[in-house]
Amino acid sequence: MKTLLLMRHAKSSWKEKGVEDHERPLNKRGQKDAPMMGNLLFEKELVPQRILCSSALRARLTAELLAETSRFVGEITYLNSFYLAEPGAYLEGLLALSDNLERIMIIGHNPGLEGLLQILSHQVESLPTAAIAHIALPVKSWADLNDETSGELIDLWRPRDLKHKHKK
């Protein structure tokens, strides 16, 4: 059984005129949400062993903030192929992983991440910025993943839900 964590990058800024999409930074909300989600992974004992991340600045910054607060000690791999990727590109990244890795996180973009979530869990869910989906995959090897894999969506955490929970 493998564990996959899918995270959409945290909220990015549109303020900077003339900045290419790939180089957009996080806004203030994104800078707060990413560390909060890292704390959540630490509390749930779901810190990944490796993070596969889009090369876009907003995804890289999300990964760095999450890694710090989750106490992540593994490797973060930044992939150009994950920038605005289709589900198949994310799947290809997983297929190449070593089988000694049990818990992986992908940090990327919609609609590709939502598509991958639907393919692997057979459920349609929205992934707003900084949301994390926790999927259990019934495979021993990452190379066994395909669009017929029937994983189970264990949990889905959205920053706004966590904020409301802590305010009560």
Foldseek 3Di string as FASTA:
>chain_A
DAKEKEAEFAAWDPPDPPDDQLATAHDPRSLVLLLVVLLVCLVVVQQFQEEEEESRRSGVSSVVNSCVNVVHDHYYHYDPCQEVHALVSVLVVQLPDDLVGRYYYYYHHPPRSQNNCCQQAVDRDDHDHGKMWMKAWPDSHSNPDDSVTHIHGPDIDDSVVVVVVVVD
